[in-house]
Amino acid sequence: MSKSQTPSLAVQQEARRKLLARILSSPADIRRRFAGKPITLLKLIDPEMRFPKKLRIVFACLYLQQRPDGTPCGRFIIKGPRGGGKSKMLGALGFVRWFLKLMRIVNLGGSLEQAKGVYNYFLGHVYTEDAEAIRSTLPDEPTMLRTETEQGNYYRAVAASSKQVRGPHPDDLYIDEACEAKDEIILSALPMVDTAVFPLVIFTSTFHKIFGLFQEIWDKADELGYCRLSWDIFDVTQTFDPAIWDDPELNRQIPDLDKLKQRAAGRTGDPEGWVPLANIIQAWREKPSLDWFDVEYMGSRPSAAGMVNDPEDVDACVIDELGEEYAYRPGAVVGGGIDWGYSGMTVVDIEMAHMNNVLVELEARHFTQVDADVICEDVAELTVRYRVQTWHVDASHPFENSLLKRTIAKRIAQLPDEEQFACAVVEVPFGRPIQIAETARTGAKREVNRKLGTEKEAMLGNYRARFQRRLNRMQRTNKEGIWQHKRYRFQEGTDKPLKEDDHYPDAKMLAQRKFPLGRVASVLPDPTEKKDEHEQSSTGSGGLIDQVF
C-alpha cells in the first residue's frame, strides 16, 4: 500500500469509528434501530461476519420465528455439514435475540465443550470493540457459561445432563449437535420452555446417525409442528469458476470428479461463503466412502448399511391405532414370542395373521425387574384374551419357561370345557444348528443332513424380510419397540446382530416364527401335529402342548 493511500484508509477507519460510536451509543438506541435489522447489527460490530444467501434465509426464519412462507413457527430442526456454520449461527442468533429482544436463552450441547463452543461465538459478539455500549450495561462480567443483562435475561450454556436441564425456564432452547446428546436428556429438556409466551426450540446437527430423536423429528417434522431447514457445503463455498469441473488434469487425477460436480448442482459459490472449493475437492479425494462425504459435507442422512432394518421401512409399518381394519378377530391365527431378560428387560410380543401376509402386532410390552410369576400370569391372561395357539420362547430360561407352561395350562383349564383350546409353548434354542425336516411320499419323516445355520439366523431372515416388504403393523404407542427395531444393527464387519437394544426384535422374531415367509428350515417339531399317546397333553392341562428341546 502506498503512503498516499494510507491517510485515506486511516480517514475511512476514523469515520467508521465515529459513525458506529453515534449509531451504537446506547442500548436503548441500538434496540430501537436494529430490532428489525439483526444481521445489519451483527455486521456492524463484526465486519468479518458472513451471511451467504441460504444462511441469511435460515437466520431470518429463526429470528422472526417464521417458516419460509411467513407462517408462524416456534420449532425448527436444522441439518447441515460439518464446518457449515451451524454453531456460529446459533451464537449470533442468541446474541441478537438476547440483546435486541431480551430473551432468556439456554444453549444445550451434546457435550459441555460443544455448549461452550456456541457460547464462545456468542461472547465473541459481546466483546467486539464496537459493542462497548452493550457491555457497559451488564451488571456483572460474563462468566464461562452465563451472561446476563441488567433486565435479567440471560444466555446460558449447559451440558446435556439431567441435572443441568432441571432448573432454567428460558424463552429459547438451542440444542446444538443434537445427535451427540442422549435422547432422554433432550426429551427432559424440552419442557424447559413451557412457561415461555413465544417459545423457540431449535435442533441442529450433522445427520451422522441413522436413528435417534433427531432423525425421528426430522422424519415427522410436519406432524410434530417443526420446520425443516438445511444447507450443504456448496451453500457456504467461496465463489469459483465452474470451468474447474472440466479441467482435464483434475479429471485425470480424480476420475469421479463428475459426481462432485453433480452435488454442486450448478452452484458456483456465494460472495459471502468461506469454504474454498479446493478444500472440498481435497476432501472428495480423501473420502473413505460416498456415504461419509454425503453425511459430512452434504448434510445427508447416512445410509442404512450396518442396520438390520432400514428405519424408513420400520416407519412405514407404524400405524396410529389398530382400528376396525386391524383389530383382533376371533378365530384368527395368533402367535406369541417372549425374550426373557436375566436382570433387564423381558419383552412379550403377540402377532395376528392378516391379509396378504401382513402380521398385526396385537400386543408388545416389556417388563423390567418384574418377578417371573407376575410375567407368566400376564402372559396367561393374554393367551386367553387372544387365544394364542403357539408361544415361541427363548430356551435359555428353562425355569421361567416351565413356570409359563404351568401357568398357561392352569389358566386355560379354568375356562368352560367348550372354550378350552390347545396352546403350545415351544422353546427355541437360538444358537442350535438347524436342518430341514421333510416328509417322504411314504408318509415317513426323514432328516436331510444339510446345515442351514442356526435358529436365530433363520428367524432373523424372516424378521428382516417382513420389514423390508413392509408386512408388519405396529401401533405408534409402542415407542420403545419401534426405536429398538430401528436401532437393531449388526456387529461391525459381520452378519451377526449386536446384543444391544435387541429385546423387542428378539421377541418379535420369536412371535413371527409361527409365520414364515416361504419355507423356513427348523429343528422344531410342528406343535399342531398329532403325537404318540404318551406325548399328548391332557384336557386337564388345558390342552397345553408341552415342547422341550
Protein backbone atom coordinates (compact mmCIF):
# COMPACT_ATOMS: atom_id res chain seq x y z
CA MET A 1 0.00 0.00 0.00
CA SER A 2 1.45 3.41 -0.96
CA LYS A 3 1.95 6.25 1.50
CA SER A 4 -0.64 8.32 -0.36
CA GLN A 5 -3.25 5.64 0.28
CA THR A 6 -2.53 5.22 3.99
CA PRO A 7 -4.07 8.50 5.18
CA SER A 8 -7.14 7.80 3.09
CA LEU A 9 -7.58 4.43 4.79
CA ALA A 10 -6.98 5.93 8.18
CA VAL A 11 -9.56 8.62 7.48
CA GLN A 12 -12.09 5.97 6.43
CA GLN A 13 -11.49 3.97 9.58
CA GLU A 14 -11.84 7.03 11.78
CA ALA A 15 -15.05 8.00 10.00
CA ARG A 16 -16.42 4.50 10.54
CA ARG A 17 -15.46 4.58 14.20
CA LYS A 18 -17.27 7.90 14.73
CA LEU A 19 -20.33 6.65 12.86
CA LEU A 20 -20.52 3.50 14.95
CA ALA A 21 -20.00 5.49 18.13
CA ARG A 22 -23.06 7.54 17.21
CA ILE A 23 -25.21 4.64 15.99
CA LEU A 24 -24.25 2.33 18.84
CA SER A 25 -24.34 5.00 21.52
CA SER A 26 -26.79 3.39 23.94
CA PRO A 27 -28.51 0.03 24.39
CA ALA A 28 -31.97 1.58 24.04
CA ASP A 29 -30.97 3.29 20.80
CA ILE A 30 -29.42 0.10 19.47
CA ARG A 31 -32.61 -1.85 20.17
CA ARG A 32 -34.72 0.83 18.53
CA ARG A 33 -32.56 0.98 15.40
CA PHE A 34 -31.84 -2.71 14.89
CA ALA A 35 -34.77 -4.68 16.30
CA GLY A 36 -35.79 -5.39 12.71
CA LYS A 37 -32.26 -5.50 11.29
CA PRO A 38 -30.31 -8.05 13.32
CA ILE A 39 -27.94 -9.03 10.51
CA THR A 40 -27.06 -5.36 9.95
CA LEU A 41 -26.17 -5.05 13.64
CA LEU A 42 -24.03 -8.18 13.55
CA LYS A 43 -22.12 -6.93 10.53
CA LEU A 44 -21.59 -3.51 12.11
CA ILE A 45 -19.99 -4.87 15.26
CA ASP A 46 -18.23 -7.72 13.44
CA PRO A 47 -17.36 -6.84 9.83
CA GLU A 48 -15.97 -10.37 9.33
CA MET A 49 -19.40 -11.92 9.92
CA ARG A 50 -20.61 -13.64 6.75
CA PHE A 51 -24.13 -14.48 5.67
CA PRO A 52 -24.39 -16.44 2.42
CA LYS A 53 -27.84 -16.21 0.86
CA LYS A 54 -29.04 -19.60 2.12
CA LEU A 55 -27.96 -18.87 5.68
CA ARG A 56 -29.49 -15.40 5.57
CA ILE A 57 -32.88 -17.01 4.86
CA VAL A 58 -32.41 -19.57 7.64
CA PHE A 59 -31.34 -16.87 10.11
CA ALA A 60 -34.37 -14.73 9.27
CA CYS A 61 -36.74 -17.66 9.84
CA LEU A 62 -35.22 -18.34 13.26
CA TYR A 63 -35.08 -14.71 14.39
CA LEU A 64 -38.65 -13.98 13.32
CA GLN A 65 -39.96 -17.43 14.35
CA GLN A 66 -41.48 -17.93 10.93
CA ARG A 67 -41.39 -20.57 8.24
CA PRO A 68 -40.03 -19.53 4.82
CA ASP A 69 -43.62 -18.93 3.70
CA GLY A 70 -44.16 -16.44 6.55
CA THR A 71 -46.39 -18.58 8.76
CA PRO A 72 -45.53 -18.55 12.49
CA CYS A 73 -43.42 -21.40 13.87
CA GLY A 74 -41.65 -21.94 17.19
CA ARG A 75 -39.98 -25.28 16.47
CA PHE A 76 -37.11 -25.71 14.00
CA ILE A 77 -34.88 -28.63 13.09
CA ILE A 78 -31.75 -27.91 11.07
CA LYS A 79 -29.30 -30.24 9.37
CA GLY A 80 -26.10 -29.10 7.77
CA PRO A 81 -22.50 -30.05 7.02
CA ARG A 82 -19.59 -30.02 9.42
CA GLY A 83 -17.87 -26.65 9.22
CA GLY A 84 -21.03 -25.22 7.70
CA GLY A 85 -21.62 -22.57 10.36
CA LYS A 86 -24.38 -24.17 12.47
CA SER A 87 -22.78 -23.39 15.83
CA LYS A 88 -21.68 -19.91 14.75
CA MET A 89 -25.22 -19.15 13.61
CA LEU A 90 -26.66 -20.19 16.98
CA GLY A 91 -24.15 -17.94 18.73
CA ALA A 92 -25.08 -14.98 16.51
CA LEU A 93 -28.81 -15.67 16.75
CA GLY A 94 -28.57 -15.97 20.51
CA PHE A 95 -26.74 -12.66 20.73
CA VAL A 96 -29.36 -10.64 18.82
CA ARG A 97 -32.34 -12.33 20.49
CA TRP A 98 -30.71 -11.95 23.91
CA PHE A 99 -29.90 -8.27 23.42
CA LEU A 100 -32.49 -6.94 20.95
CA LYS A 101 -35.47 -8.99 22.14
CA LEU A 102 -34.38 -9.52 25.76
CA MET A 103 -34.92 -13.27 25.53
CA ARG A 104 -33.73 -15.79 28.09
CA ILE A 105 -31.72 -18.39 26.21
CA VAL A 106 -30.31 -21.81 27.07
CA ASN A 107 -27.88 -23.48 24.71
CA LEU A 108 -27.73 -27.24 25.27
CA GLY A 109 -24.76 -29.01 23.73
CA GLY A 110 -24.19 -32.69 23.03
CA SER A 111 -21.30 -32.18 25.46
CA LEU A 112 -20.19 -29.30 27.67
CA GLU A 113 -17.41 -28.50 25.20
CA GLN A 114 -19.94 -28.20 22.37
CA ALA A 115 -22.13 -25.96 24.51
CA LYS A 116 -19.09 -23.79 25.31
CA GLY A 117 -18.28 -23.59 21.60
CA VAL A 118 -21.60 -21.94 20.78
CA TYR A 119 -21.38 -19.78 23.92
CA ASN A 120 -17.93 -18.55 22.86
CA TYR A 121 -19.35 -17.47 19.50
CA PHE A 122 -21.98 -15.54 21.46
CA LEU A 123 -19.31 -13.94 23.68
CA GLY A 124 -17.34 -13.01 20.59
CA HIS A 125 -20.11 -10.58 19.67
CA VAL A 126 -20.38 -9.24 23.23
CA TYR A 127 -16.66 -8.49 23.34
CA THR A 128 -16.19 -6.87 19.93
CA GLU A 129 -14.65 -3.42 20.11
CA ASP A 130 -17.80 -1.73 18.84
CA ALA A 131 -20.12 -3.43 21.37
CA GLU A 132 -18.86 -1.30 24.27
CA ALA A 133 -22.29 0.27 24.76
CA ILE A 134 -23.76 -3.20 25.20
CA ARG A 135 -21.09 -4.37 27.64
CA SER A 136 -21.31 -1.20 29.71
CA THR A 137 -24.82 -2.01 30.89
CA LEU A 138 -24.11 -5.57 32.04
CA PRO A 139 -24.49 -5.81 35.84
CA ASP A 140 -21.68 -8.37 36.04
CA GLU A 141 -18.88 -9.64 33.88
CA PRO A 142 -19.89 -12.62 31.72
CA THR A 143 -18.86 -15.93 33.26
CA MET A 144 -17.60 -19.01 31.44
CA LEU A 145 -21.16 -20.26 30.96
CA ARG A 146 -23.57 -17.36 31.54
CA THR A 147 -24.10 -13.73 30.53
CA GLU A 148 -26.96 -11.67 31.97
CA THR A 149 -28.34 -8.19 31.13
CA GLU A 150 -29.49 -5.59 33.62
CA GLN A 151 -33.07 -6.61 32.73
CA GLY A 152 -32.38 -10.15 33.97
CA ASN A 153 -32.50 -12.04 30.69
CA TYR A 154 -29.55 -14.34 30.07
CA TYR A 155 -27.64 -16.52 27.64
CA ARG A 156 -26.57 -19.73 29.33
CA ALA A 157 -24.63 -22.77 28.13
CA VAL A 158 -25.38 -26.17 29.69
CA ALA A 159 -24.24 -29.71 29.09
CA ALA A 160 -26.67 -32.46 28.15
CA SER A 161 -27.32 -33.90 31.61
CA SER A 162 -30.48 -34.46 33.63
CA LYS A 163 -29.19 -32.18 36.41
CA GLN A 164 -28.44 -29.26 34.07
CA VAL A 165 -31.87 -29.23 32.40
CA ARG A 166 -33.95 -29.14 35.58
CA GLY A 167 -33.68 -25.51 36.66
CA PRO A 168 -33.86 -22.89 33.90
CA HIS A 169 -37.08 -21.75 32.23
CA PRO A 170 -35.87 -19.93 29.11
CA ASP A 171 -37.70 -18.45 26.15
CA ASP A 172 -35.31 -20.08 23.67
CA LEU A 173 -33.76 -23.55 23.77
CA TYR A 174 -30.97 -24.24 21.29
CA ILE A 175 -29.81 -27.86 21.02
CA ASP A 176 -26.55 -27.98 19.08
CA GLU A 177 -25.25 -31.28 17.66
CA ALA A 178 -28.40 -32.97 18.89
CA CYS A 179 -27.25 -36.35 17.55
CA GLU A 180 -24.47 -36.31 20.17
CA ALA A 181 -26.81 -35.88 23.14
CA LYS A 182 -28.78 -38.69 24.75
CA ASP A 183 -32.36 -38.72 23.54
CA GLU A 184 -33.80 -38.97 27.05
CA ILE A 185 -31.89 -35.84 28.12
CA ILE A 186 -33.22 -33.87 25.16
CA LEU A 187 -36.75 -35.04 25.88
CA SER A 188 -36.41 -33.97 29.51
CA ALA A 189 -35.09 -30.56 28.36
CA LEU A 190 -37.99 -29.69 26.06
CA PRO A 191 -40.42 -28.78 28.89
CA MET A 192 -37.97 -26.02 29.95
CA VAL A 193 -39.69 -23.60 27.54
CA ASP A 194 -43.24 -24.49 28.58
CA THR A 195 -43.65 -21.24 30.55
CA ALA A 196 -42.48 -19.01 27.68
CA VAL A 197 -45.09 -16.91 25.85
CA PHE A 198 -43.49 -17.45 22.44
CA PRO A 199 -41.07 -20.36 22.95
CA LEU A 200 -38.39 -21.10 20.38
CA VAL A 201 -36.79 -24.55 20.13
CA ILE A 202 -34.00 -25.21 17.63
CA PHE A 203 -32.35 -28.56 16.93
CA THR A 204 -29.17 -28.52 14.85
CA SER A 205 -26.90 -31.38 13.89
CA THR A 206 -24.92 -33.05 11.21
CA PHE A 207 -27.03 -36.04 10.22
CA HIS A 208 -24.40 -38.61 11.17
CA LYS A 209 -26.62 -41.14 12.95
CA ILE A 210 -29.31 -43.18 11.28
CA PHE A 211 -31.56 -43.48 14.32
CA GLY A 212 -32.49 -41.38 17.33
CA LEU A 213 -34.66 -38.46 18.37
CA PHE A 214 -33.17 -36.02 15.85
CA GLN A 215 -33.90 -38.39 12.99
CA GLU A 216 -37.37 -39.12 14.36
CA ILE A 217 -38.26 -35.42 14.50
CA TRP A 218 -36.78 -34.76 11.06
CA ASP A 219 -38.89 -37.52 9.51
CA LYS A 220 -42.08 -36.37 11.24
CA ALA A 221 -41.45 -32.62 11.27
CA ASP A 222 -44.80 -31.63 9.77
CA GLU A 223 -46.71 -33.92 12.08
CA LEU A 224 -44.83 -32.63 15.16
CA GLY A 225 -45.04 -28.95 14.17
CA TYR A 226 -41.38 -28.46 13.27
CA CYS A 227 -39.98 -26.54 10.31
CA ARG A 228 -37.13 -28.28 8.48
CA LEU A 229 -34.21 -26.09 7.39
CA SER A 230 -30.98 -27.26 5.78
CA TRP A 231 -27.96 -26.35 3.72
CA ASP A 232 -24.87 -28.12 2.42
CA ILE A 233 -21.22 -27.23 1.90
CA PHE A 234 -21.83 -25.67 -1.53
CA ASP A 235 -24.15 -23.10 0.08
CA VAL A 236 -21.21 -21.71 2.08
CA THR A 237 -18.48 -22.10 -0.55
CA GLN A 238 -16.45 -19.16 -1.81
CA THR A 239 -17.26 -18.15 -5.39
CA PHE A 240 -15.40 -20.18 -8.02
CA ASP A 241 -15.13 -20.61 -11.77
CA PRO A 242 -17.33 -23.55 -12.87
CA ALA A 243 -14.80 -24.29 -15.61
CA ILE A 244 -12.81 -26.14 -12.97
CA TRP A 245 -15.15 -29.12 -13.37
CA ASP A 246 -13.91 -29.58 -16.95
CA ASP A 247 -10.20 -29.28 -16.18
CA PRO A 248 -8.57 -32.28 -17.98
CA GLU A 249 -5.74 -32.73 -15.49
CA LEU A 250 -8.05 -32.58 -12.48
CA ASN A 251 -10.40 -35.11 -14.07
CA ARG A 252 -7.44 -37.38 -14.78
CA GLN A 253 -6.39 -37.22 -11.13
CA ILE A 254 -9.95 -37.60 -9.81
CA PRO A 255 -11.91 -39.98 -12.09
CA ASP A 256 -15.19 -39.45 -10.20
CA LEU A 257 -15.00 -35.64 -10.13
CA ASP A 258 -18.21 -35.56 -12.16
CA LYS A 259 -20.06 -36.92 -9.11
CA LEU A 260 -18.85 -33.99 -7.03
CA LYS A 261 -19.98 -31.65 -9.80
CA GLN A 262 -23.43 -33.24 -9.60
CA ARG A 263 -23.54 -32.42 -5.90
CA ALA A 264 -22.73 -28.78 -6.65
CA ALA A 265 -25.92 -28.78 -8.77
CA GLY A 266 -24.92 -25.76 -10.83
CA ARG A 267 -23.96 -23.61 -7.84
CA THR A 268 -20.78 -21.56 -8.10
CA GLY A 269 -20.38 -20.43 -4.52
CA ASP A 270 -21.52 -17.30 -2.71
CA PRO A 271 -19.76 -13.92 -2.31
CA GLU A 272 -20.05 -14.36 1.46
CA GLY A 273 -19.07 -18.03 1.51
CA TRP A 274 -15.98 -19.04 3.47
CA VAL A 275 -15.05 -22.57 2.33
CA PRO A 276 -12.57 -22.69 -0.59
CA LEU A 277 -13.61 -25.11 -3.33
CA ALA A 278 -10.08 -26.55 -3.28
CA ASN A 279 -10.71 -27.82 0.26
CA ILE A 280 -13.92 -29.52 -0.81
CA ILE A 281 -12.19 -31.17 -3.77
CA GLN A 282 -9.43 -32.41 -1.46
CA ALA A 283 -12.00 -33.84 0.95
CA TRP A 284 -13.64 -35.56 -2.02
CA ARG A 285 -10.31 -37.13 -2.98
CA GLU A 286 -9.72 -38.35 0.58
CA LYS A 287 -13.26 -39.59 1.26
CA PRO A 288 -13.40 -43.11 2.73
CA SER A 289 -16.81 -43.58 1.09
CA LEU A 290 -19.53 -41.66 -0.75
CA ASP A 291 -21.79 -42.08 2.25
CA TRP A 292 -19.20 -40.43 4.51
CA PHE A 293 -18.85 -37.41 2.20
CA ASP A 294 -22.60 -37.01 1.79
CA VAL A 295 -23.12 -37.05 5.56
CA GLU A 296 -20.22 -34.77 6.50
CA TYR A 297 -20.33 -32.29 3.60
CA MET A 298 -23.81 -32.51 2.11
CA GLY A 299 -25.67 -32.90 5.40
CA SER A 300 -27.35 -36.07 4.11
CA ARG A 301 -28.82 -38.87 6.18
CA PRO A 302 -26.44 -41.83 6.47
CA SER A 303 -27.29 -44.98 4.58
CA ALA A 304 -28.81 -47.96 6.34
CA ALA A 305 -25.62 -50.00 5.90
CA GLY A 306 -24.94 -51.98 9.07
CA MET A 307 -28.55 -51.78 10.22
CA VAL A 308 -30.70 -54.87 10.40
CA ASN A 309 -33.72 -52.82 9.30
CA ASP A 310 -33.95 -49.68 7.22
CA PRO A 311 -35.57 -47.11 9.58
CA GLU A 312 -37.81 -45.95 6.75
CA ASP A 313 -39.18 -49.49 6.44
CA VAL A 314 -39.89 -49.55 10.17
CA ASP A 315 -41.69 -46.19 9.97
CA ALA A 316 -43.78 -47.48 7.07
CA CYS A 317 -45.06 -50.29 9.32
CA VAL A 318 -46.28 -47.93 12.06
CA ILE A 319 -50.00 -47.18 12.38
CA ASP A 320 -51.80 -44.79 14.72
CA GLU A 321 -54.17 -47.44 16.07
CA LEU A 322 -55.48 -50.88 15.22
CA GLY A 323 -58.93 -49.54 14.43
CA GLU A 324 -61.51 -51.69 12.71
CA GLU A 325 -59.12 -52.81 9.97
CA TYR A 326 -56.51 -54.38 12.24
CA ALA A 327 -58.48 -55.19 15.39
CA TYR A 328 -58.30 -58.71 16.81
CA ARG A 329 -60.65 -61.11 15.04
CA PRO A 330 -61.80 -64.20 16.95
CA GLY A 331 -60.67 -67.28 15.10
CA ALA A 332 -57.59 -65.61 13.60
CA VAL A 333 -54.23 -67.36 13.69
CA VAL A 334 -52.26 -65.82 16.57
CA GLY A 335 -48.73 -66.48 17.79
CA GLY A 336 -46.59 -65.01 20.54
CA GLY A 337 -42.93 -64.60 21.37
CA ILE A 338 -41.07 -63.97 24.62
CA ASP A 339 -37.49 -62.80 25.02
CA TRP A 340 -36.54 -63.28 28.65
CA GLY A 341 -34.15 -60.84 30.30
CA TYR A 342 -31.79 -62.08 33.02
CA SER A 343 -31.81 -58.88 35.05
CA GLY A 344 -33.03 -56.41 32.46
CA MET A 345 -35.91 -56.23 30.03
CA THR A 346 -38.30 -59.10 29.23
CA VAL A 347 -40.44 -58.47 26.14
CA VAL A 348 -43.72 -60.12 25.14
CA ASP A 349 -44.95 -59.83 21.55
CA ILE A 350 -48.22 -61.15 20.07
CA GLU A 351 -48.81 -61.27 16.30
CA MET A 352 -52.03 -61.92 14.36
CA ALA A 353 -52.14 -63.11 10.75
CA HIS A 354 -53.87 -60.59 8.49
CA MET A 355 -54.46 -60.48 4.75
CA ASN A 356 -51.66 -60.69 2.18
CA ASN A 357 -49.01 -61.97 4.61
CA VAL A 358 -49.37 -58.93 6.87
CA LEU A 359 -48.83 -59.53 10.60
CA VAL A 360 -50.52 -57.26 13.13
CA GLU A 361 -48.80 -56.66 16.47
CA LEU A 362 -51.72 -57.04 18.89
CA GLU A 363 -49.57 -56.60 21.99
CA ALA A 364 -45.96 -55.62 22.65
CA ARG A 365 -44.95 -54.87 26.18
CA HIS A 366 -41.85 -55.07 28.32
CA PHE A 367 -41.17 -55.88 31.96
CA THR A 368 -38.16 -54.60 33.88
CA GLN A 369 -37.14 -56.29 37.13
CA VAL A 370 -40.53 -57.97 37.48
CA ASP A 371 -40.88 -61.43 39.06
CA ALA A 372 -41.33 -64.29 36.61
CA ASP A 373 -44.62 -65.39 38.19
CA VAL A 374 -46.12 -61.94 37.56
CA ILE A 375 -44.98 -62.01 33.93
CA CYS A 376 -46.36 -65.52 33.46
CA GLU A 377 -49.73 -64.52 34.92
CA ASP A 378 -49.93 -61.62 32.46
CA VAL A 379 -48.94 -63.85 29.56
CA ALA A 380 -51.57 -66.41 30.55
CA GLU A 381 -54.26 -63.70 30.50
CA LEU A 382 -53.08 -62.53 27.07
CA THR A 383 -53.12 -66.13 25.88
CA VAL A 384 -56.79 -66.46 26.77
CA ARG A 385 -57.73 -63.00 25.51
CA TYR A 386 -56.29 -63.60 22.04
CA ARG A 387 -56.48 -67.43 22.03
CA VAL A 388 -52.78 -67.66 21.25
CA GLN A 389 -52.14 -71.02 19.59
CA THR A 390 -48.33 -71.01 19.88
CA TRP A 391 -45.74 -69.28 22.02
CA HIS A 392 -42.15 -69.40 20.78
CA VAL A 393 -39.91 -68.55 23.73
CA ASP A 394 -36.21 -68.10 24.41
CA ALA A 395 -34.92 -71.54 25.50
CA SER A 396 -32.14 -70.08 27.66
CA HIS A 397 -34.54 -69.67 30.62
CA PRO A 398 -35.81 -73.19 31.43
CA PHE A 399 -37.19 -72.26 34.88
CA GLU A 400 -39.28 -69.38 33.51
CA ASN A 401 -40.48 -71.49 30.58
CA SER A 402 -41.54 -74.33 32.87
CA LEU A 403 -43.44 -71.86 35.05
CA LEU A 404 -45.00 -70.32 31.95
CA LYS A 405 -46.31 -73.68 30.72
CA ARG A 406 -47.88 -74.50 34.08
CA THR A 407 -49.43 -71.03 34.40
CA ILE A 408 -50.95 -71.07 30.91
CA ALA A 409 -52.24 -74.63 31.41
CA LYS A 410 -53.86 -73.66 34.69
CA ARG A 411 -55.50 -70.58 33.17
CA ILE A 412 -56.90 -72.46 30.17
CA ALA A 413 -58.21 -75.20 32.47
CA GLN A 414 -60.30 -72.56 34.27
CA LEU A 415 -62.30 -71.96 31.09
CA PRO A 416 -65.53 -73.86 30.41
CA ASP A 417 -64.80 -77.11 28.59
CA GLU A 418 -66.23 -75.84 25.32
CA GLU A 419 -63.93 -72.75 25.41
CA GLN A 420 -60.69 -74.56 26.14
CA PHE A 421 -58.11 -74.68 23.36
CA ALA A 422 -54.67 -76.03 22.60
CA CYS A 423 -51.67 -73.79 23.18
CA ALA A 424 -48.08 -74.83 22.50
CA VAL A 425 -45.08 -73.37 24.29
CA VAL A 426 -42.10 -74.00 22.04
CA GLU A 427 -38.65 -73.35 23.48
CA VAL A 428 -36.32 -72.06 20.78
CA PRO A 429 -32.54 -72.52 21.20
CA PHE A 430 -31.19 -69.50 19.31
CA GLY A 431 -27.76 -70.99 18.70
CA ARG A 432 -28.73 -74.51 17.69
CA PRO A 433 -27.93 -75.53 14.09
CA ILE A 434 -31.00 -76.30 12.01
CA GLN A 435 -31.79 -78.93 9.42
CA ILE A 436 -34.66 -79.46 7.02
CA ALA A 437 -37.31 -81.93 8.09
CA GLU A 438 -39.19 -83.38 5.12
CA THR A 439 -41.96 -85.89 4.66
CA ALA A 440 -41.35 -88.58 2.07
CA ARG A 441 -44.12 -89.90 -0.15
CA THR A 442 -44.43 -92.88 2.15
CA GLY A 443 -45.52 -90.54 4.92
CA ALA A 444 -42.42 -91.22 6.97
CA LYS A 445 -40.41 -88.27 8.21
CA ARG A 446 -36.73 -88.14 7.25
CA GLU A 447 -33.97 -85.74 8.16
CA VAL A 448 -31.96 -84.15 5.36
CA ASN A 449 -28.47 -83.55 6.70
CA ARG A 450 -27.91 -80.12 5.26
CA LYS A 451 -26.72 -77.39 7.59
CA LEU A 452 -28.57 -74.12 7.23
CA GLY A 453 -27.20 -72.02 10.06
CA THR A 454 -28.89 -71.50 13.41
CA GLU A 455 -32.46 -70.94 14.53
CA LYS A 456 -31.61 -67.27 15.24
CA GLU A 457 -30.31 -66.82 11.69
CA ALA A 458 -33.45 -68.33 10.19
CA MET A 459 -35.72 -66.18 12.35
CA LEU A 460 -33.63 -63.09 11.63
CA GLY A 461 -34.06 -63.61 7.89
CA ASN A 462 -37.82 -63.90 8.30
CA TYR A 463 -37.89 -60.84 10.59
CA ARG A 464 -35.86 -58.68 8.17
CA ALA A 465 -37.88 -59.78 5.15
CA ARG A 466 -41.13 -58.73 6.80
CA PHE A 467 -39.81 -55.23 7.47
CA GLN A 468 -38.25 -54.96 4.02
CA ARG A 469 -41.57 -55.91 2.44
CA ARG A 470 -43.41 -53.73 4.98
CA LEU A 471 -45.60 -56.59 6.12
CA ASN A 472 -45.69 -55.60 9.80
CA ARG A 473 -48.21 -53.37 11.54
CA MET A 474 -47.24 -51.78 14.88
CA GLN A 475 -49.05 -49.13 16.89
CA ARG A 476 -47.31 -45.80 17.34
CA THR A 477 -47.75 -46.05 21.11
CA ASN A 478 -45.08 -48.78 21.19
CA LYS A 479 -42.31 -46.18 21.12
CA GLU A 480 -39.62 -48.31 22.77
CA GLY A 481 -40.27 -51.20 20.42
CA ILE A 482 -40.22 -49.01 17.31
CA TRP A 483 -36.94 -47.45 18.39
CA GLN A 484 -35.34 -50.84 19.03
CA HIS A 485 -36.39 -52.12 15.61
CA LYS A 486 -34.74 -49.03 14.10
CA ARG A 487 -31.59 -49.29 16.20
CA TYR A 488 -31.10 -53.02 15.75
CA ARG A 489 -27.78 -53.41 13.97
CA PHE A 490 -25.07 -55.85 13.02
CA GLN A 491 -21.70 -56.21 14.71
CA GLU A 492 -19.19 -54.34 12.60
CA GLY A 493 -17.90 -56.41 9.72
CA THR A 494 -20.19 -59.38 10.44
CA ASP A 495 -23.70 -60.61 9.76
CA LYS A 496 -24.31 -61.18 13.49
CA PRO A 497 -26.71 -58.81 15.25
CA LEU A 498 -25.29 -56.78 18.11
CA LYS A 499 -26.53 -57.78 21.56
CA GLU A 500 -27.81 -54.31 22.32
CA ASP A 501 -31.31 -52.84 22.02
CA ASP A 502 -32.44 -56.28 20.88
CA HIS A 503 -35.20 -57.39 23.26
CA TYR A 504 -38.12 -56.21 21.15
CA PRO A 505 -36.54 -57.53 17.92
CA ASP A 506 -35.89 -60.94 19.51
CA ALA A 507 -39.44 -61.17 20.87
CA LYS A 508 -40.92 -60.21 17.51
CA MET A 509 -38.85 -62.71 15.55
CA LEU A 510 -39.87 -65.40 18.04
CA ALA A 511 -43.55 -64.49 17.61
CA GLN A 512 -43.13 -64.45 13.83
CA ARG A 513 -41.53 -67.91 13.95
CA LYS A 514 -45.06 -69.23 13.51
CA PHE A 515 -45.47 -67.25 10.27
CA PRO A 516 -42.54 -68.00 7.94
CA LEU A 517 -42.40 -66.17 4.62
CA GLY A 518 -41.80 -69.06 2.27
CA ARG A 519 -40.15 -72.20 3.53
CA VAL A 520 -38.08 -71.92 6.69
CA ALA A 521 -35.98 -74.81 7.92
CA SER A 522 -36.22 -75.86 11.54
CA VAL A 523 -35.42 -78.49 14.10
CA LEU A 524 -38.64 -77.60 15.85
CA PRO A 525 -41.49 -80.11 15.57
CA ASP A 526 -44.86 -78.93 14.35
CA PRO A 527 -46.73 -78.20 17.59
CA THR A 528 -50.07 -78.99 15.96
CA GLU A 529 -49.10 -82.37 14.51
CA LYS A 530 -50.57 -85.50 16.08
CA LYS A 531 -48.31 -87.08 18.69
CA ASP A 532 -47.99 -90.50 20.24
CA GLU A 533 -50.45 -91.34 23.01
CA HIS A 534 -47.93 -90.85 25.83
CA GLU A 535 -46.93 -87.42 24.45
CA GLN A 536 -50.45 -86.00 24.23
CA SER A 537 -51.37 -83.12 26.52
CA SER A 538 -54.40 -83.94 28.59
CA THR A 539 -57.57 -81.92 28.75
CA GLY A 540 -56.78 -81.49 32.41
CA SER A 541 -53.78 -79.39 31.41
CA GLY A 542 -55.98 -77.12 29.37
CA GLY A 543 -54.80 -78.58 26.08
CA LEU A 544 -51.27 -77.29 26.58
CA ILE A 545 -48.85 -78.94 24.16
CA ASP A 546 -45.60 -79.10 26.08
CA GLN A 547 -42.49 -78.96 23.85
CA VAL A 548 -38.97 -79.11 25.24
CA PHE A 549 -35.80 -79.01 23.10
